[in-house]
Amino acid sequence: MLNGTDILESLIEPEQGDFSADLARYVLSLKFSSEQQALFEELSYKAQDGVLSPEEERVLDAFLSANTFLIILKSKASRSLDQHSPAA
């Protein structure tokens, strides 16, 4: 059974390093803001303690989905830059 990560990987194909160097560098620069990171961490701790409200759970799920997307996208970007670099 496919999950969200499987679908994203089949769509993005992170094993294919076919981003331009400029796009790859841009993708690698993407990150959560400090405020978003703080909220993500706060919700993660609350989840570990089992005290998330339903709304907080939805927000944490959204962060986790966005983070998974970034990981897959950055994997493709890294591979792309490796392929643009001259062999050592």
PDB file of N, CA and C in Angstrom:
ATOM      1  N   MET A   1       0.838  -1.186   0.000  1.00  0.00           N
ATOM      2  CA  MET A   1       0.000   0.000   0.000  1.00  0.00           C
ATOM      3  C   MET A   1       0.884   1.251   0.000  1.00  0.00           C
ATOM      4  N   LEU A   2       0.600   2.163  -0.884  1.00  0.00           N
ATOM      5  CA  LEU A   2       1.374   3.400  -0.980  1.00  0.00           C
ATOM      6  C   LEU A   2       1.022   4.341   0.163  1.00  0.00           C
ATOM      7  N   ASN A   3       2.048   5.055   0.659  1.00  0.00           N
ATOM      8  CA  ASN A   3       1.799   6.112   1.623  1.00  0.00           C
ATOM      9  C   ASN A   3       2.217   7.436   0.991  1.00  0.00           C
ATOM     10  N   GLY A   4       2.057   8.532   1.738  1.00  0.00           N
ATOM     11  CA  GLY A   4       2.371   9.854   1.198  1.00  0.00           C
ATOM     12  C   GLY A   4       3.812   9.996   0.758  1.00  0.00           C
ATOM     13  N   THR A   5       4.721   9.424   1.527  1.00  0.00           N
ATOM     14  CA  THR A   5       6.143   9.501   1.178  1.00  0.00           C
ATOM     15  C   THR A   5       6.427   8.759  -0.120  1.00  0.00           C
ATOM     16  N   ASP A   6       5.833   7.586  -0.280  1.00  0.00           N
ATOM     17  CA  ASP A   6       6.017   6.823  -1.521  1.00  0.00           C
ATOM     18  C   ASP A   6       5.539   7.623  -2.730  1.00  0.00           C
ATOM     19  N   ILE A   7       4.404   8.265  -2.574  1.00  0.00           N
ATOM     20  CA  ILE A   7       3.838   9.047  -3.678  1.00  0.00           C
ATOM     21  C   ILE A   7       4.739  10.227  -4.014  1.00  0.00           C
ATOM     22  N   LEU A   8       5.215  10.939  -2.985  1.00  0.00           N
ATOM     23  CA  LEU A   8       6.116  12.068  -3.232  1.00  0.00           C
ATOM     24  C   LEU A   8       7.399  11.616  -3.919  1.00  0.00           C
ATOM     25  N   GLU A   9       7.965  10.500  -3.449  1.00  0.00           N
ATOM     26  CA  GLU A   9       9.203  10.010  -4.058  1.00  0.00           C
ATOM     27  C   GLU A   9       8.992   9.601  -5.506  1.00  0.00           C
ATOM     28  N   SER A  10       7.855   8.995  -5.809  1.00  0.00           N
ATOM     29  CA  SER A  10       7.614   8.607  -7.201  1.00  0.00           C
ATOM     30  C   SER A  10       7.381   9.835  -8.081  1.00  0.00           C
ATOM     31  N   LEU A  11       6.853  10.888  -7.502  1.00  0.00           N
ATOM     32  CA  LEU A  11       6.614  12.122  -8.247  1.00  0.00           C
ATOM     33  C   LEU A  11       7.908  12.915  -8.452  1.00  0.00           C
ATOM     34  N   ILE A  12       8.690  13.064  -7.396  1.00  0.00           N
ATOM     35  CA  ILE A  12       9.898  13.902  -7.425  1.00  0.00           C
ATOM     36  C   ILE A  12      11.107  13.157  -7.974  1.00  0.00           C
ATOM     37  N   GLU A  13      11.150  11.839  -7.800  1.00  0.00           N
ATOM     38  CA  GLU A  13      12.281  11.016  -8.246  1.00  0.00           C
ATOM     39  C   GLU A  13      13.608  11.561  -7.711  1.00  0.00           C
ATOM     40  N   PRO A  14      13.803  11.496  -6.381  1.00  0.00           N
ATOM     41  CA  PRO A  14      15.014  12.081  -5.807  1.00  0.00           C
ATOM     42  C   PRO A  14      16.309  11.432  -6.283  1.00  0.00           C
ATOM     43  N   GLU A  15      16.221  10.220  -6.802  1.00  0.00           N
ATOM     44  CA  GLU A  15      17.435   9.567  -7.301  1.00  0.00           C
ATOM     45  C   GLU A  15      17.898  10.171  -8.623  1.00  0.00           C
ATOM     46  N   GLN A  16      17.049  10.941  -9.275  1.00  0.00           N
ATOM     47  CA  GLN A  16      17.399  11.620 -10.525  1.00  0.00           C
ATOM     48  C   GLN A  16      17.963  13.001 -10.192  1.00  0.00           C
ATOM     49  N   GLY A  17      19.171  13.257 -10.521  1.00  0.00           N
ATOM     50  CA  GLY A  17      19.797  14.549 -10.246  1.00  0.00           C
ATOM     51  C   GLY A  17      19.649  15.489 -11.418  1.00  0.00           C
ATOM     52  N   ASP A  18      18.412  15.838 -11.737  1.00  0.00           N
ATOM     53  CA  ASP A  18      18.195  16.626 -12.947  1.00  0.00           C
ATOM     54  C   ASP A  18      17.739  18.065 -12.695  1.00  0.00           C
ATOM     55  N   PHE A  19      17.971  18.589 -11.479  1.00  0.00           N
ATOM     56  CA  PHE A  19      17.736  20.017 -11.235  1.00  0.00           C
ATOM     57  C   PHE A  19      18.933  20.785 -11.787  1.00  0.00           C
ATOM     58  N   SER A  20      18.680  22.001 -12.225  1.00  0.00           N
ATOM     59  CA  SER A  20      19.803  22.875 -12.569  1.00  0.00           C
ATOM     60  C   SER A  20      20.561  23.189 -11.285  1.00  0.00           C
ATOM     61  N   ALA A  21      21.800  23.616 -11.428  1.00  0.00           N
ATOM     62  CA  ALA A  21      22.610  23.946 -10.245  1.00  0.00           C
ATOM     63  C   ALA A  21      21.960  25.068  -9.445  1.00  0.00           C
ATOM     64  N   ASP A  22      21.429  26.073 -10.126  1.00  0.00           N
ATOM     65  CA  ASP A  22      20.783  27.188  -9.426  1.00  0.00           C
ATOM     66  C   ASP A  22      19.550  26.724  -8.659  1.00  0.00           C
ATOM     67  N   LEU A  23      18.729  25.900  -9.290  1.00  0.00           N
ATOM     68  CA  LEU A  23      17.538  25.390  -8.607  1.00  0.00           C
ATOM     69  C   LEU A  23      17.943  24.523  -7.428  1.00  0.00           C
ATOM     70  N   ALA A  24      18.942  23.697  -7.602  1.00  0.00           N
ATOM     71  CA  ALA A  24      19.395  22.825  -6.517  1.00  0.00           C
ATOM     72  C   ALA A  24      19.867  23.652  -5.323  1.00  0.00           C
ATOM     73  N   ARG A  25      20.656  24.691  -5.575  1.00  0.00           N
ATOM     74  CA  ARG A  25      21.120  25.548  -4.476  1.00  0.00           C
ATOM     75  C   ARG A  25      19.947  26.239  -3.788  1.00  0.00           C
ATOM     76  N   TYR A  26      18.960  26.685  -4.559  1.00  0.00           N
ATOM     77  CA  TYR A  26      17.780  27.317  -3.966  1.00  0.00           C
ATOM     78  C   TYR A  26      17.032  26.327  -3.075  1.00  0.00           C
ATOM     79  N   VAL A  27      16.793  25.137  -3.581  1.00  0.00           N
ATOM     80  CA  VAL A  27      16.066  24.124  -2.809  1.00  0.00           C
ATOM     81  C   VAL A  27      16.807  23.825  -1.510  1.00  0.00           C
ATOM     82  N   LEU A  28      18.128  23.714  -1.573  1.00  0.00           N
ATOM     83  CA  LEU A  28      18.902  23.425  -0.372  1.00  0.00           C
ATOM     84  C   LEU A  28      18.856  24.566   0.639  1.00  0.00           C
ATOM     85  N   SER A  29      18.491  25.757   0.207  1.00  0.00           N
ATOM     86  CA  SER A  29      18.395  26.893   1.130  1.00  0.00           C
ATOM     87  C   SER A  29      17.042  26.962   1.844  1.00  0.00           C
ATOM     88  N   LEU A  30      16.070  26.177   1.390  1.00  0.00           N
ATOM     89  CA  LEU A  30      14.742  26.223   1.995  1.00  0.00           C
ATOM     90  C   LEU A  30      14.768  25.647   3.403  1.00  0.00           C
ATOM     91  N   LYS A  31      14.118  26.333   4.328  1.00  0.00           N
ATOM     92  CA  LYS A  31      14.023  25.840   5.705  1.00  0.00           C
ATOM     93  C   LYS A  31      12.868  26.543   6.407  1.00  0.00           C
ATOM     94  N   PHE A  32      12.449  25.955   7.506  1.00  0.00           N
ATOM     95  CA  PHE A  32      11.423  26.583   8.317  1.00  0.00           C
ATOM     96  C   PHE A  32      12.002  27.843   8.962  1.00  0.00           C
ATOM     97  N   SER A  33      11.144  28.849   9.178  1.00  0.00           N
ATOM     98  CA  SER A  33      11.580  30.038   9.907  1.00  0.00           C
ATOM     99  C   SER A  33      11.844  29.645  11.360  1.00  0.00           C
ATOM    100  N   SER A  34      12.506  30.498  12.097  1.00  0.00           N
ATOM    101  CA  SER A  34      12.783  30.188  13.505  1.00  0.00           C
ATOM    102  C   SER A  34      11.484  30.038  14.302  1.00  0.00           C
ATOM    103  N   GLU A  35      10.474  30.833  13.962  1.00  0.00           N
ATOM    104  CA  GLU A  35       9.181  30.716  14.638  1.00  0.00           C
ATOM    105  C   GLU A  35       8.504  29.385  14.306  1.00  0.00           C
ATOM    106  N   GLN A  36       8.559  28.995  13.044  1.00  0.00           N
ATOM    107  CA  GLN A  36       7.980  27.715  12.641  1.00  0.00           C
ATOM    108  C   GLN A  36       8.722  26.559  13.305  1.00  0.00           C
ATOM    109  N   GLN A  37      10.050  26.632  13.339  1.00  0.00           N
ATOM    110  CA  GLN A  37      10.845  25.578  13.962  1.00  0.00           C
ATOM    111  C   GLN A  37      10.505  25.454  15.446  1.00  0.00           C
ATOM    112  N   ALA A  38      10.342  26.588  16.128  1.00  0.00           N
ATOM    113  CA  ALA A  38      10.002  26.562  17.552  1.00  0.00           C
ATOM    114  C   ALA A  38       8.637  25.913  17.769  1.00  0.00           C
ATOM    115  N   LEU A  39       7.667  26.249  16.921  1.00  0.00           N
ATOM    116  CA  LEU A  39       6.336  25.656  17.037  1.00  0.00           C
ATOM    117  C   LEU A  39       6.388  24.158  16.750  1.00  0.00           C
ATOM    118  N   PHE A  40       7.112  23.775  15.723  1.00  0.00           N
ATOM    119  CA  PHE A  40       7.283  22.363  15.364  1.00  0.00           C
ATOM    120  C   PHE A  40       7.849  21.585  16.560  1.00  0.00           C
ATOM    121  N   GLU A  41       8.890  22.130  17.172  1.00  0.00           N
ATOM    122  CA  GLU A  41       9.498  21.465  18.324  1.00  0.00           C
ATOM    123  C   GLU A  41       8.542  21.397  19.508  1.00  0.00           C
ATOM    124  N   GLU A  42       7.834  22.495  19.770  1.00  0.00           N
ATOM    125  CA  GLU A  42       6.872  22.513  20.878  1.00  0.00           C
ATOM    126  C   GLU A  42       5.798  21.444  20.678  1.00  0.00           C
ATOM    127  N   LEU A  43       5.256  21.367  19.468  1.00  0.00           N
ATOM    128  CA  LEU A  43       4.221  20.377  19.193  1.00  0.00           C
ATOM    129  C   LEU A  43       4.778  18.959  19.260  1.00  0.00           C
ATOM    130  N   SER A  44       6.007  18.778  18.831  1.00  0.00           N
ATOM    131  CA  SER A  44       6.641  17.450  18.908  1.00  0.00           C
ATOM    132  C   SER A  44       6.775  16.999  20.353  1.00  0.00           C
ATOM    133  N   TYR A  45       7.207  17.916  21.235  1.00  0.00           N
ATOM    134  CA  TYR A  45       7.328  17.574  22.654  1.00  0.00           C
ATOM    135  C   TYR A  45       5.963  17.255  23.254  1.00  0.00           C
ATOM    136  N   LYS A  46       4.956  18.047  22.893  1.00  0.00           N
ATOM    137  CA  LYS A  46       3.611  17.797  23.407  1.00  0.00           C
ATOM    138  C   LYS A  46       3.094  16.447  22.921  1.00  0.00           C
ATOM    139  N   ALA A  47       3.417  16.091  21.690  1.00  0.00           N
ATOM    140  CA  ALA A  47       2.993  14.796  21.147  1.00  0.00           C
ATOM    141  C   ALA A  47       3.648  13.660  21.932  1.00  0.00           C
ATOM    142  N   GLN A  48       4.931  13.824  22.263  1.00  0.00           N
ATOM    143  CA  GLN A  48       5.631  12.796  23.046  1.00  0.00           C
ATOM    144  C   GLN A  48       4.997  12.634  24.424  1.00  0.00           C
ATOM    145  N   ASP A  49       4.482  13.737  24.960  1.00  0.00           N
ATOM    146  CA  ASP A  49       3.832  13.695  26.276  1.00  0.00           C
ATOM    147  C   ASP A  49       2.363  13.294  26.186  1.00  0.00           C
ATOM    148  N   GLY A  50       1.846  13.176  24.962  1.00  0.00           N
ATOM    149  CA  GLY A  50       0.457  12.777  24.765  1.00  0.00           C
ATOM    150  C   GLY A  50      -0.557  13.842  25.128  1.00  0.00           C
ATOM    151  N   VAL A  51      -0.198  15.108  24.952  1.00  0.00           N
ATOM    152  CA  VAL A  51      -1.102  16.197  25.359  1.00  0.00           C
ATOM    153  C   VAL A  51      -1.455  17.152  24.210  1.00  0.00           C
ATOM    154  N   LEU A  52      -1.454  16.661  22.981  1.00  0.00           N
ATOM    155  CA  LEU A  52      -1.825  17.491  21.838  1.00  0.00           C
ATOM    156  C   LEU A  52      -3.338  17.598  21.721  1.00  0.00           C
ATOM    157  N   SER A  53      -3.807  18.797  21.419  1.00  0.00           N
ATOM    158  CA  SER A  53      -5.223  18.962  21.080  1.00  0.00           C
ATOM    159  C   SER A  53      -5.414  18.485  19.643  1.00  0.00           C
ATOM    160  N   PRO A  54      -6.656  18.245  19.223  1.00  0.00           N
ATOM    161  CA  PRO A  54      -6.873  17.840  17.824  1.00  0.00           C
ATOM    162  C   PRO A  54      -6.331  18.865  16.820  1.00  0.00           C
ATOM    163  N   GLU A  55      -6.477  20.150  17.103  1.00  0.00           N
ATOM    164  CA  GLU A  55      -5.964  21.176  16.193  1.00  0.00           C
ATOM    165  C   GLU A  55      -4.442  21.144  16.162  1.00  0.00           C
ATOM    166  N   GLU A  56      -3.811  20.987  17.310  1.00  0.00           N
ATOM    167  CA  GLU A  56      -2.353  20.898  17.353  1.00  0.00           C
ATOM    168  C   GLU A  56      -1.863  19.664  16.602  1.00  0.00           C
ATOM    169  N   GLU A  57      -2.605  18.592  16.698  1.00  0.00           N
ATOM    170  CA  GLU A  57      -2.238  17.373  15.962  1.00  0.00           C
ATOM    171  C   GLU A  57      -2.288  17.611  14.453  1.00  0.00           C
ATOM    172  N   ARG A  58      -3.292  18.352  13.996  1.00  0.00           N
ATOM    173  CA  ARG A  58      -3.383  18.680  12.560  1.00  0.00           C
ATOM    174  C   ARG A  58      -2.200  19.545  12.124  1.00  0.00           C
ATOM    175  N   VAL A  59      -1.826  20.508  12.964  1.00  0.00           N
ATOM    176  CA  VAL A  59      -0.699  21.384  12.633  1.00  0.00           C
ATOM    177  C   VAL A  59       0.600  20.574  12.603  1.00  0.00           C
ATOM    178  N   LEU A  60       0.798  19.714  13.587  1.00  0.00           N
ATOM    179  CA  LEU A  60       1.998  18.874  13.615  1.00  0.00           C
ATOM    180  C   LEU A  60       2.048  17.965  12.392  1.00  0.00           C
ATOM    181  N   ASP A  61       0.917  17.386  12.020  1.00  0.00           N
ATOM    182  CA  ASP A  61       0.876  16.547  10.816  1.00  0.00           C
ATOM    183  C   ASP A  61       1.264  17.340   9.576  1.00  0.00           C
ATOM    184  N   ALA A  62       0.822  18.596   9.503  1.00  0.00           N
ATOM    185  CA  ALA A  62       1.174  19.453   8.365  1.00  0.00           C
ATOM    186  C   ALA A  62       2.680  19.720   8.346  1.00  0.00           C
ATOM    187  N   PHE A  63       3.255  19.999   9.526  1.00  0.00           N
ATOM    188  CA  PHE A  63       4.706  20.193   9.609  1.00  0.00           C
ATOM    189  C   PHE A  63       5.449  18.938   9.180  1.00  0.00           C
ATOM    190  N   LEU A  64       5.000  17.790   9.648  1.00  0.00           N
ATOM    191  CA  LEU A  64       5.665  16.532   9.298  1.00  0.00           C
ATOM    192  C   LEU A  64       5.593  16.270   7.798  1.00  0.00           C
ATOM    193  N   SER A  65       4.453  16.563   7.188  1.00  0.00           N
ATOM    194  CA  SER A  65       4.313  16.394   5.737  1.00  0.00           C
ATOM    195  C   SER A  65       5.236  17.347   4.986  1.00  0.00           C
ATOM    196  N   ALA A  66       5.270  18.607   5.421  1.00  0.00           N
ATOM    197  CA  ALA A  66       6.141  19.593   4.780  1.00  0.00           C
ATOM    198  C   ALA A  66       7.603  19.196   4.942  1.00  0.00           C
ATOM    199  N   ASN A  67       7.966  18.712   6.122  1.00  0.00           N
ATOM    200  CA  ASN A  67       9.341  18.297   6.368  1.00  0.00           C
ATOM    201  C   ASN A  67       9.721  17.104   5.485  1.00  0.00           C
ATOM    202  N   THR A  68       8.829  16.149   5.357  1.00  0.00           N
ATOM    203  CA  THR A  68       9.084  14.998   4.474  1.00  0.00           C
ATOM    204  C   THR A  68       9.284  15.468   3.040  1.00  0.00           C
ATOM    205  N   PHE A  69       8.444  16.388   2.592  1.00  0.00           N
ATOM    206  CA  PHE A  69       8.575  16.945   1.242  1.00  0.00           C
ATOM    207  C   PHE A  69       9.944  17.595   1.067  1.00  0.00           C
ATOM    208  N   LEU A  70      10.360  18.408   2.059  1.00  0.00           N
ATOM    209  CA  LEU A  70      11.661  19.073   1.967  1.00  0.00           C
ATOM    210  C   LEU A  70      12.807  18.070   1.933  1.00  0.00           C
ATOM    211  N   ILE A  71      12.725  17.028   2.731  1.00  0.00           N
ATOM    212  CA  ILE A  71      13.790  16.018   2.751  1.00  0.00           C
ATOM    213  C   ILE A  71      13.941  15.375   1.370  1.00  0.00           C
ATOM    214  N   ILE A  72      12.826  15.014   0.769  1.00  0.00           N
ATOM    215  CA  ILE A  72      12.864  14.376  -0.551  1.00  0.00           C
ATOM    216  C   ILE A  72      13.388  15.355  -1.602  1.00  0.00           C
ATOM    217  N   LEU A  73      12.902  16.591  -1.564  1.00  0.00           N
ATOM    218  CA  LEU A  73      13.327  17.607  -2.521  1.00  0.00           C
ATOM    219  C   LEU A  73      14.817  17.916  -2.365  1.00  0.00           C
ATOM    220  N   LYS A  74      15.274  18.020  -1.109  1.00  0.00           N
ATOM    221  CA  LYS A  74      16.690  18.313  -0.869  1.00  0.00           C
ATOM    222  C   LYS A  74      17.583  17.143  -1.268  1.00  0.00           C
ATOM    223  N   SER A  75      17.080  15.937  -1.160  1.00  0.00           N
ATOM    224  CA  SER A  75      17.837  14.780  -1.635  1.00  0.00           C
ATOM    225  C   SER A  75      18.091  14.899  -3.133  1.00  0.00           C
ATOM    226  N   LYS A  76      17.054  15.270  -3.862  1.00  0.00           N
ATOM    227  CA  LYS A  76      17.192  15.444  -5.313  1.00  0.00           C
ATOM    228  C   LYS A  76      18.150  16.595  -5.615  1.00  0.00           C
ATOM    229  N   ALA A  77      18.045  17.667  -4.846  1.00  0.00           N
ATOM    230  CA  ALA A  77      18.915  18.823  -5.060  1.00  0.00           C
ATOM    231  C   ALA A  77      20.376  18.459  -4.812  1.00  0.00           C
ATOM    232  N   SER A  78      20.636  17.722  -3.749  1.00  0.00           N
ATOM    233  CA  SER A  78      22.019  17.305  -3.456  1.00  0.00           C
ATOM    234  C   SER A  78      22.572  16.425  -4.564  1.00  0.00           C
ATOM    235  N   ARG A  79      21.764  15.498  -5.011  1.00  0.00           N
ATOM    236  CA  ARG A  79      22.200  14.621  -6.101  1.00  0.00           C
ATOM    237  C   ARG A  79      22.466  15.439  -7.359  1.00  0.00           C
ATOM    238  N   SER A  80      21.634  16.423  -7.603  1.00  0.00           N
ATOM    239  CA  SER A  80      21.801  17.280  -8.780  1.00  0.00           C
ATOM    240  C   SER A  80      23.120  18.039  -8.718  1.00  0.00           C
ATOM    241  N   LEU A  81      23.431  18.615  -7.554  1.00  0.00           N
ATOM    242  CA  LEU A  81      24.688  19.348  -7.427  1.00  0.00           C
ATOM    243  C   LEU A  81      25.883  18.396  -7.575  1.00  0.00           C
ATOM    244  N   ASP A  82      25.763  17.195  -7.035  1.00  0.00           N
ATOM    245  CA  ASP A  82      26.847  16.211  -7.205  1.00  0.00           C
ATOM    246  C   ASP A  82      27.092  15.949  -8.687  1.00  0.00           C
ATOM    247  N   GLN A  83      26.032  15.884  -9.465  1.00  0.00           N
ATOM    248  CA  GLN A  83      26.179  15.592 -10.892  1.00  0.00           C
ATOM    249  C   GLN A  83      26.687  16.783 -11.683  1.00  0.00           C
ATOM    250  N   HIS A  84      26.482  18.010 -11.140  1.00  0.00           N
ATOM    251  CA  HIS A  84      26.996  19.203 -11.812  1.00  0.00           C
ATOM    252  C   HIS A  84      28.451  19.469 -11.467  1.00  0.00           C
ATOM    253  N   SER A  85      28.937  18.868 -10.372  1.00  0.00           N
ATOM    254  CA  SER A  85      30.315  19.083  -9.958  1.00  0.00           C
ATOM    255  C   SER A  85      31.253  18.248 -10.816  1.00  0.00           C
ATOM    256  N   PRO A  86      32.394  18.813 -11.192  1.00  0.00           N
ATOM    257  CA  PRO A  86      33.366  18.011 -11.943  1.00  0.00           C
ATOM    258  C   PRO A  86      33.897  16.892 -11.059  1.00  0.00           C
ATOM    259  N   ALA A  87      34.185  15.771 -11.672  1.00  0.00           N
ATOM    260  CA  ALA A  87      34.719  14.614 -10.941  1.00  0.00           C
ATOM    261  C   ALA A  87      36.060  14.982 -10.333  1.00  0.00           C
ATOM    262  N   ALA A  88      36.253  14.505  -9.104  1.00  0.00           N
ATOM    263  CA  ALA A  88      37.517  14.830  -8.419  1.00  0.00           C
ATOM    264  C   ALA A  88      38.621  13.872  -8.819  1.00  0.00           C
TER     265      ALA A  88
END
